[in-house]
């Protein structure tokens, strides 16, 4: 990732925030439509607070991963293992990042530029490495 990519990722998140007070319902509706087996795992989250907290942490991790990478890579690897304990397979854990990107793309519409798309494509590919290699205490940062 480069500074331009980090800026494009941030820009897409800021544009979405300007259009929508809470991305949580949109992101999880998309996730559950694609992976209905995940919805029962949130049965006790009646008011959406758990989903909102999870999405907030994912966005924080995305911003760190696109930027300085102080903690996100290790956090992602750890959470892949943690979520396996909740019966969330790594493949589904990994699609959540793409689900966020798709939700942003649909929300901001024409403001989703080629630069933003390219930045998200690179980010998702980089994130996938950490999702698919959760057994490593440390991984190369690029």
N, C-alpha and C. Protein backbone atom coordinates (compact mmCIF):
# COMPACT_ATOMS: atom_id res chain seq x y z
N UNK A 1 0.85 -1.17 0.00
CA UNK A 1 0.00 0.00 0.00
C UNK A 1 0.89 1.24 0.00
N UNK A 2 0.39 2.26 -0.61
CA UNK A 2 1.12 3.52 -0.63
C UNK A 2 0.25 4.63 -0.06
N UNK A 3 0.83 5.80 0.06
CA UNK A 3 0.08 6.92 0.66
C UNK A 3 -1.16 7.25 -0.16
N UNK A 4 -1.07 7.13 -1.48
CA UNK A 4 -2.24 7.39 -2.32
C UNK A 4 -3.36 6.41 -2.04
N UNK A 5 -2.99 5.13 -1.85
CA UNK A 5 -4.00 4.13 -1.52
C UNK A 5 -4.64 4.43 -0.18
N UNK A 6 -3.83 4.77 0.81
CA UNK A 6 -4.36 5.09 2.14
C UNK A 6 -5.32 6.27 2.04
N UNK A 7 -4.96 7.27 1.25
CA UNK A 7 -5.84 8.43 1.06
C UNK A 7 -7.15 8.05 0.38
N UNK A 8 -7.08 7.18 -0.60
CA UNK A 8 -8.29 6.76 -1.32
C UNK A 8 -9.21 5.94 -0.41
N UNK A 9 -8.63 5.08 0.40
CA UNK A 9 -9.42 4.28 1.35
C UNK A 9 -10.11 5.21 2.34
N UNK A 10 -9.34 6.13 2.89
CA UNK A 10 -9.89 7.10 3.85
C UNK A 10 -10.98 7.94 3.20
N UNK A 11 -10.74 8.39 1.99
CA UNK A 11 -11.72 9.20 1.27
C UNK A 11 -13.04 8.44 1.10
N UNK A 12 -12.95 7.17 0.74
CA UNK A 12 -14.19 6.39 0.53
C UNK A 12 -14.96 6.24 1.84
N UNK A 13 -14.25 6.04 2.93
CA UNK A 13 -14.91 5.92 4.23
C UNK A 13 -15.53 7.25 4.66
N UNK A 14 -14.83 8.35 4.40
CA UNK A 14 -15.37 9.67 4.75
C UNK A 14 -16.60 10.01 3.92
N UNK A 15 -16.57 9.68 2.64
CA UNK A 15 -17.72 9.95 1.79
C UNK A 15 -18.93 9.14 2.25
N UNK A 16 -18.69 7.89 2.61
CA UNK A 16 -19.79 7.06 3.10
C UNK A 16 -20.34 7.61 4.41
N UNK A 17 -19.45 8.06 5.28
CA UNK A 17 -19.90 8.61 6.57
C UNK A 17 -20.73 9.86 6.37
N UNK A 18 -20.42 10.63 5.35
CA UNK A 18 -21.20 11.83 5.07
C UNK A 18 -22.61 11.50 4.56
N UNK A 19 -22.76 10.32 3.99
CA UNK A 19 -24.04 9.92 3.41
C UNK A 19 -24.89 9.05 4.33
N UNK A 20 -24.23 8.44 5.31
CA UNK A 20 -24.93 7.45 6.13
C UNK A 20 -24.42 7.51 7.56
N UNK A 21 -25.34 7.70 8.50
CA UNK A 21 -24.95 7.79 9.90
C UNK A 21 -24.42 6.48 10.46
N UNK A 22 -24.91 5.36 9.95
CA UNK A 22 -24.53 4.06 10.49
C UNK A 22 -24.51 3.03 9.38
N UNK A 23 -23.32 2.59 9.03
CA UNK A 23 -23.15 1.58 7.98
C UNK A 23 -23.53 0.18 8.43
N UNK A 24 -23.66 -0.01 9.73
CA UNK A 24 -23.84 -1.35 10.28
C UNK A 24 -24.98 -2.12 9.63
N UNK A 25 -26.20 -1.57 9.56
CA UNK A 25 -27.29 -2.35 8.96
C UNK A 25 -27.02 -2.72 7.50
N UNK A 26 -26.40 -1.80 6.76
CA UNK A 26 -26.11 -2.06 5.35
C UNK A 26 -25.09 -3.17 5.19
N UNK A 27 -24.02 -3.11 5.97
CA UNK A 27 -22.95 -4.11 5.87
C UNK A 27 -23.46 -5.49 6.26
N UNK A 28 -24.18 -5.56 7.37
CA UNK A 28 -24.63 -6.87 7.84
C UNK A 28 -25.76 -7.43 6.99
N UNK A 29 -26.60 -6.60 6.41
CA UNK A 29 -27.62 -7.10 5.48
C UNK A 29 -26.94 -7.76 4.29
N UNK A 30 -25.89 -7.15 3.79
CA UNK A 30 -25.15 -7.71 2.66
C UNK A 30 -24.45 -9.01 3.09
N UNK A 31 -23.83 -9.00 4.26
CA UNK A 31 -23.15 -10.20 4.74
C UNK A 31 -24.13 -11.36 4.89
N UNK A 32 -25.27 -11.10 5.53
CA UNK A 32 -26.24 -12.17 5.78
C UNK A 32 -26.90 -12.65 4.48
N UNK A 33 -27.05 -11.77 3.51
CA UNK A 33 -27.60 -12.19 2.22
C UNK A 33 -26.65 -13.16 1.52
N UNK A 34 -25.35 -12.88 1.62
CA UNK A 34 -24.35 -13.74 0.98
C UNK A 34 -24.01 -14.98 1.81
N UNK A 35 -24.13 -14.86 3.13
CA UNK A 35 -23.75 -15.95 4.05
C UNK A 35 -24.82 -16.09 5.13
N UNK A 36 -26.00 -16.59 4.76
CA UNK A 36 -27.09 -16.66 5.73
C UNK A 36 -26.77 -17.51 6.96
N UNK A 37 -25.82 -18.39 6.86
CA UNK A 37 -25.45 -19.22 8.01
C UNK A 37 -24.80 -18.39 9.12
N UNK A 38 -24.42 -17.17 8.84
CA UNK A 38 -23.79 -16.32 9.84
C UNK A 38 -24.82 -15.57 10.69
N UNK A 39 -26.00 -15.35 10.16
CA UNK A 39 -26.99 -14.55 10.90
C UNK A 39 -27.36 -15.15 12.26
N UNK A 40 -27.54 -16.48 12.37
CA UNK A 40 -27.88 -17.03 13.69
C UNK A 40 -26.81 -16.78 14.76
N UNK A 41 -25.58 -16.54 14.35
CA UNK A 41 -24.52 -16.26 15.32
C UNK A 41 -24.73 -14.93 16.03
N UNK A 42 -25.61 -14.10 15.48
CA UNK A 42 -25.88 -12.78 16.05
C UNK A 42 -27.26 -12.72 16.70
N UNK A 43 -27.86 -13.87 16.97
CA UNK A 43 -29.22 -13.92 17.51
C UNK A 43 -29.36 -13.16 18.82
N UNK A 44 -28.33 -13.17 19.64
CA UNK A 44 -28.42 -12.47 20.93
C UNK A 44 -28.12 -10.97 20.81
N UNK A 45 -27.70 -10.53 19.65
CA UNK A 45 -27.40 -9.11 19.41
C UNK A 45 -28.67 -8.40 18.93
N UNK A 46 -29.63 -8.29 19.80
CA UNK A 46 -30.95 -7.77 19.41
C UNK A 46 -30.95 -6.29 19.06
N UNK A 47 -30.05 -5.52 19.63
CA UNK A 47 -30.04 -4.08 19.35
C UNK A 47 -28.91 -3.66 18.39
N UNK A 48 -28.14 -4.62 17.89
CA UNK A 48 -27.10 -4.32 16.91
C UNK A 48 -25.81 -3.77 17.48
N UNK A 49 -25.69 -3.69 18.80
CA UNK A 49 -24.48 -3.12 19.38
C UNK A 49 -23.24 -3.96 19.10
N UNK A 50 -23.38 -5.26 19.14
CA UNK A 50 -22.22 -6.12 18.86
C UNK A 50 -21.78 -5.93 17.42
N UNK A 51 -22.73 -5.92 16.50
CA UNK A 51 -22.40 -5.70 15.09
C UNK A 51 -21.75 -4.34 14.89
N UNK A 52 -22.29 -3.32 15.53
CA UNK A 52 -21.72 -1.98 15.41
C UNK A 52 -20.31 -1.92 15.95
N UNK A 53 -20.07 -2.55 17.08
CA UNK A 53 -18.72 -2.59 17.67
C UNK A 53 -17.76 -3.33 16.75
N UNK A 54 -18.21 -4.45 16.20
CA UNK A 54 -17.35 -5.21 15.30
C UNK A 54 -17.01 -4.40 14.06
N UNK A 55 -18.00 -3.74 13.48
CA UNK A 55 -17.73 -2.94 12.29
C UNK A 55 -16.79 -1.78 12.61
N UNK A 56 -16.97 -1.15 13.75
CA UNK A 56 -16.07 -0.05 14.13
C UNK A 56 -14.63 -0.55 14.23
N UNK A 57 -14.45 -1.72 14.83
CA UNK A 57 -13.09 -2.27 14.94
C UNK A 57 -12.52 -2.64 13.58
N UNK A 58 -13.36 -3.14 12.69
CA UNK A 58 -12.91 -3.48 11.35
C UNK A 58 -12.48 -2.21 10.61
N UNK A 59 -13.25 -1.15 10.73
CA UNK A 59 -12.88 0.10 10.05
C UNK A 59 -11.58 0.65 10.63
N UNK A 60 -11.43 0.60 11.94
CA UNK A 60 -10.16 1.04 12.56
C UNK A 60 -9.00 0.20 12.04
N UNK A 61 -9.21 -1.10 11.94
CA UNK A 61 -8.15 -1.99 11.44
C UNK A 61 -7.83 -1.69 9.98
N UNK A 62 -8.85 -1.44 9.18
CA UNK A 62 -8.63 -1.10 7.77
C UNK A 62 -7.80 0.17 7.66
N UNK A 63 -8.15 1.18 8.45
CA UNK A 63 -7.40 2.44 8.40
C UNK A 63 -5.94 2.25 8.82
N UNK A 64 -5.73 1.45 9.87
CA UNK A 64 -4.35 1.17 10.29
C UNK A 64 -3.62 0.36 9.22
N UNK A 65 -4.28 -0.64 8.67
CA UNK A 65 -3.66 -1.50 7.68
C UNK A 65 -3.30 -0.72 6.42
N UNK A 66 -4.17 0.20 6.02
CA UNK A 66 -3.90 1.02 4.84
C UNK A 66 -2.83 2.07 5.13
N UNK A 67 -2.64 2.38 6.40
CA UNK A 67 -1.68 3.42 6.78
C UNK A 67 -0.42 2.85 7.40
N UNK A 68 -0.25 3.10 8.69
CA UNK A 68 1.01 2.80 9.36
C UNK A 68 1.21 1.33 9.73
N UNK A 69 0.16 0.56 9.76
CA UNK A 69 0.22 -0.86 10.12
C UNK A 69 0.90 -1.09 11.47
N UNK A 70 0.43 -0.36 12.45
CA UNK A 70 0.98 -0.52 13.79
C UNK A 70 0.48 -1.79 14.46
N UNK A 71 -0.76 -2.20 14.15
CA UNK A 71 -1.32 -3.35 14.86
C UNK A 71 -2.25 -4.22 14.02
N UNK A 72 -2.77 -3.72 12.93
CA UNK A 72 -3.86 -4.39 12.23
C UNK A 72 -3.52 -5.79 11.74
N UNK A 73 -2.32 -5.99 11.24
CA UNK A 73 -1.97 -7.32 10.71
C UNK A 73 -2.06 -8.38 11.79
N UNK A 74 -1.49 -8.11 12.94
CA UNK A 74 -1.54 -9.07 14.04
C UNK A 74 -2.96 -9.21 14.56
N UNK A 75 -3.70 -8.11 14.66
CA UNK A 75 -5.08 -8.18 15.10
C UNK A 75 -5.91 -9.08 14.18
N UNK A 76 -5.74 -8.92 12.90
CA UNK A 76 -6.48 -9.73 11.94
C UNK A 76 -6.17 -11.20 12.12
N UNK A 77 -4.90 -11.52 12.22
CA UNK A 77 -4.51 -12.92 12.41
C UNK A 77 -5.12 -13.49 13.69
N UNK A 78 -5.08 -12.73 14.75
CA UNK A 78 -5.64 -13.17 16.03
C UNK A 78 -7.15 -13.36 15.93
N UNK A 79 -7.82 -12.43 15.29
CA UNK A 79 -9.28 -12.51 15.18
C UNK A 79 -9.74 -13.64 14.28
N UNK A 80 -8.96 -14.01 13.28
CA UNK A 80 -9.31 -15.18 12.47
C UNK A 80 -9.41 -16.40 13.37
N UNK A 81 -8.42 -16.57 14.25
CA UNK A 81 -8.42 -17.71 15.17
C UNK A 81 -9.56 -17.58 16.17
N UNK A 82 -9.76 -16.40 16.75
CA UNK A 82 -10.85 -16.18 17.71
C UNK A 82 -12.21 -16.48 17.08
N UNK A 83 -12.42 -16.00 15.87
CA UNK A 83 -13.72 -16.20 15.23
C UNK A 83 -13.97 -17.66 14.85
N UNK A 84 -12.93 -18.42 14.63
CA UNK A 84 -13.11 -19.86 14.38
C UNK A 84 -13.81 -20.51 15.57
N UNK A 85 -13.54 -20.00 16.76
CA UNK A 85 -14.19 -20.49 17.97
C UNK A 85 -15.68 -20.16 18.01
N UNK A 86 -16.12 -19.20 17.19
CA UNK A 86 -17.54 -18.85 17.08
C UNK A 86 -18.17 -19.51 15.84
N UNK A 87 -17.46 -20.47 15.28
CA UNK A 87 -17.90 -21.17 14.06
C UNK A 87 -17.95 -20.26 12.84
N UNK A 88 -17.06 -19.28 12.81
CA UNK A 88 -16.90 -18.42 11.63
C UNK A 88 -15.65 -18.91 10.90
N UNK A 89 -15.84 -19.57 9.77
CA UNK A 89 -14.68 -20.06 9.03
C UNK A 89 -13.81 -18.92 8.51
N UNK A 90 -12.51 -19.14 8.39
CA UNK A 90 -11.62 -18.08 7.88
C UNK A 90 -12.09 -17.49 6.55
N UNK A 91 -12.64 -18.32 5.69
CA UNK A 91 -13.09 -17.81 4.39
C UNK A 91 -14.20 -16.78 4.57
N UNK A 92 -15.10 -17.00 5.51
CA UNK A 92 -16.17 -16.04 5.76
C UNK A 92 -15.63 -14.82 6.48
N UNK A 93 -14.73 -15.05 7.44
CA UNK A 93 -14.09 -13.92 8.11
C UNK A 93 -13.46 -13.00 7.07
N UNK A 94 -12.77 -13.57 6.12
CA UNK A 94 -12.08 -12.78 5.09
C UNK A 94 -13.01 -12.01 4.19
N UNK A 95 -14.21 -12.53 3.92
CA UNK A 95 -15.10 -11.81 3.01
C UNK A 95 -15.70 -10.57 3.66
N UNK A 96 -15.60 -10.47 4.97
CA UNK A 96 -16.18 -9.30 5.63
C UNK A 96 -15.55 -8.00 5.13
N UNK A 97 -14.24 -8.01 4.90
CA UNK A 97 -13.57 -6.81 4.41
C UNK A 97 -14.12 -6.42 3.03
N UNK A 98 -14.30 -7.42 2.17
CA UNK A 98 -14.89 -7.15 0.86
C UNK A 98 -16.33 -6.68 0.96
N UNK A 99 -17.04 -7.20 1.94
CA UNK A 99 -18.42 -6.79 2.17
C UNK A 99 -18.47 -5.30 2.53
N UNK A 100 -17.54 -4.86 3.36
CA UNK A 100 -17.45 -3.44 3.69
C UNK A 100 -17.18 -2.63 2.43
N UNK A 101 -16.21 -3.07 1.63
CA UNK A 101 -15.87 -2.34 0.40
C UNK A 101 -17.06 -2.27 -0.55
N UNK A 102 -17.76 -3.38 -0.74
CA UNK A 102 -18.92 -3.39 -1.64
C UNK A 102 -20.03 -2.46 -1.14
N UNK A 103 -20.21 -2.44 0.16
CA UNK A 103 -21.23 -1.56 0.74
C UNK A 103 -20.86 -0.10 0.50
N UNK A 104 -19.60 0.23 0.70
CA UNK A 104 -19.15 1.60 0.45
C UNK A 104 -19.33 1.97 -1.02
N UNK A 105 -18.93 1.05 -1.90
CA UNK A 105 -19.05 1.30 -3.35
C UNK A 105 -20.49 1.60 -3.73
N UNK A 106 -21.41 0.79 -3.24
CA UNK A 106 -22.82 1.01 -3.57
C UNK A 106 -23.34 2.31 -2.96
N UNK A 107 -22.89 2.62 -1.77
CA UNK A 107 -23.38 3.81 -1.08
C UNK A 107 -22.89 5.10 -1.74
N UNK A 108 -21.62 5.16 -2.08
CA UNK A 108 -21.11 6.43 -2.62
C UNK A 108 -21.27 6.53 -4.14
N UNK A 109 -21.64 5.43 -4.77
CA UNK A 109 -21.99 5.47 -6.19
C UNK A 109 -20.91 6.04 -7.09
N UNK A 110 -21.26 7.09 -7.82
CA UNK A 110 -20.35 7.69 -8.81
C UNK A 110 -19.08 8.26 -8.19
N UNK A 111 -19.09 8.51 -6.90
CA UNK A 111 -17.88 9.02 -6.23
C UNK A 111 -16.84 7.90 -6.03
N UNK A 112 -17.23 6.67 -6.29
CA UNK A 112 -16.30 5.52 -6.22
C UNK A 112 -15.47 5.57 -7.50
N UNK A 113 -14.31 6.16 -7.41
CA UNK A 113 -13.46 6.39 -8.58
C UNK A 113 -12.58 5.18 -8.88
N UNK A 114 -11.93 5.23 -10.02
CA UNK A 114 -10.98 4.17 -10.39
C UNK A 114 -9.85 4.09 -9.37
N UNK A 115 -9.41 5.23 -8.85
CA UNK A 115 -8.34 5.23 -7.83
C UNK A 115 -8.80 4.56 -6.54
N UNK A 116 -10.03 4.85 -6.13
CA UNK A 116 -10.57 4.22 -4.93
C UNK A 116 -10.71 2.72 -5.16
N UNK A 117 -11.22 2.34 -6.32
CA UNK A 117 -11.39 0.92 -6.63
C UNK A 117 -10.05 0.20 -6.62
N UNK A 118 -9.04 0.78 -7.23
CA UNK A 118 -7.72 0.16 -7.26
C UNK A 118 -7.12 0.05 -5.87
N UNK A 119 -7.31 1.08 -5.05
CA UNK A 119 -6.78 1.04 -3.67
C UNK A 119 -7.45 -0.07 -2.87
N UNK A 120 -8.77 -0.19 -2.99
CA UNK A 120 -9.48 -1.25 -2.27
C UNK A 120 -9.08 -2.63 -2.79
N UNK A 121 -8.89 -2.76 -4.08
CA UNK A 121 -8.47 -4.05 -4.65
C UNK A 121 -7.13 -4.46 -4.06
N UNK A 122 -6.19 -3.54 -3.99
CA UNK A 122 -4.88 -3.85 -3.40
C UNK A 122 -5.01 -4.13 -1.90
N UNK A 123 -5.80 -3.33 -1.21
CA UNK A 123 -5.98 -3.54 0.22
C UNK A 123 -6.57 -4.92 0.51
N UNK A 124 -7.62 -5.28 -0.22
CA UNK A 124 -8.26 -6.58 0.01
C UNK A 124 -7.31 -7.73 -0.28
N UNK A 125 -6.49 -7.59 -1.29
CA UNK A 125 -5.50 -8.64 -1.59
C UNK A 125 -4.48 -8.74 -0.46
N UNK A 126 -4.01 -7.62 0.04
CA UNK A 126 -3.06 -7.62 1.16
C UNK A 126 -3.70 -8.20 2.42
N UNK A 127 -4.93 -7.80 2.70
CA UNK A 127 -5.62 -8.32 3.89
C UNK A 127 -5.81 -9.83 3.80
N UNK A 128 -6.09 -10.31 2.60
CA UNK A 128 -6.33 -11.74 2.42
C UNK A 128 -5.12 -12.56 2.86
N UNK A 129 -3.93 -12.05 2.66
CA UNK A 129 -2.74 -12.78 3.10
C UNK A 129 -2.79 -13.02 4.61
N UNK A 130 -3.13 -12.00 5.35
CA UNK A 130 -3.15 -12.12 6.81
C UNK A 130 -4.31 -12.99 7.29
N UNK A 131 -5.41 -12.97 6.57
CA UNK A 131 -6.55 -13.82 6.91
C UNK A 131 -6.20 -15.29 6.66
N UNK A 132 -5.49 -15.55 5.58
CA UNK A 132 -5.18 -16.94 5.21
C UNK A 132 -3.91 -17.47 5.88
N UNK A 133 -3.24 -16.64 6.64
CA UNK A 133 -2.03 -17.06 7.35
C UNK A 133 -2.12 -16.69 8.83
N UNK A 134 -3.17 -17.11 9.52
CA UNK A 134 -3.34 -16.70 10.91
C UNK A 134 -2.42 -17.44 11.89
N UNK A 135 -1.75 -18.45 11.40
CA UNK A 135 -0.92 -19.27 12.29
C UNK A 135 0.47 -18.67 12.52
N UNK A 136 0.75 -17.57 11.88
CA UNK A 136 2.07 -16.96 12.02
C UNK A 136 2.05 -15.88 13.08
N UNK A 137 3.04 -15.93 13.96
CA UNK A 137 3.15 -14.88 14.98
C UNK A 137 3.53 -13.56 14.32
N UNK A 138 4.35 -13.62 13.33
CA UNK A 138 4.74 -12.42 12.59
C UNK A 138 4.75 -12.75 11.12
N UNK A 139 4.41 -11.79 10.30
CA UNK A 139 4.46 -11.97 8.84
C UNK A 139 5.16 -10.77 8.24
N UNK A 140 5.61 -10.97 7.04
CA UNK A 140 6.28 -9.88 6.34
C UNK A 140 5.30 -8.77 6.09
N UNK A 141 5.72 -7.54 6.25
CA UNK A 141 4.82 -6.41 6.04
C UNK A 141 4.83 -5.94 4.59
N UNK A 142 5.42 -6.68 3.74
CA UNK A 142 5.30 -6.30 2.34
C UNK A 142 6.59 -6.37 1.70
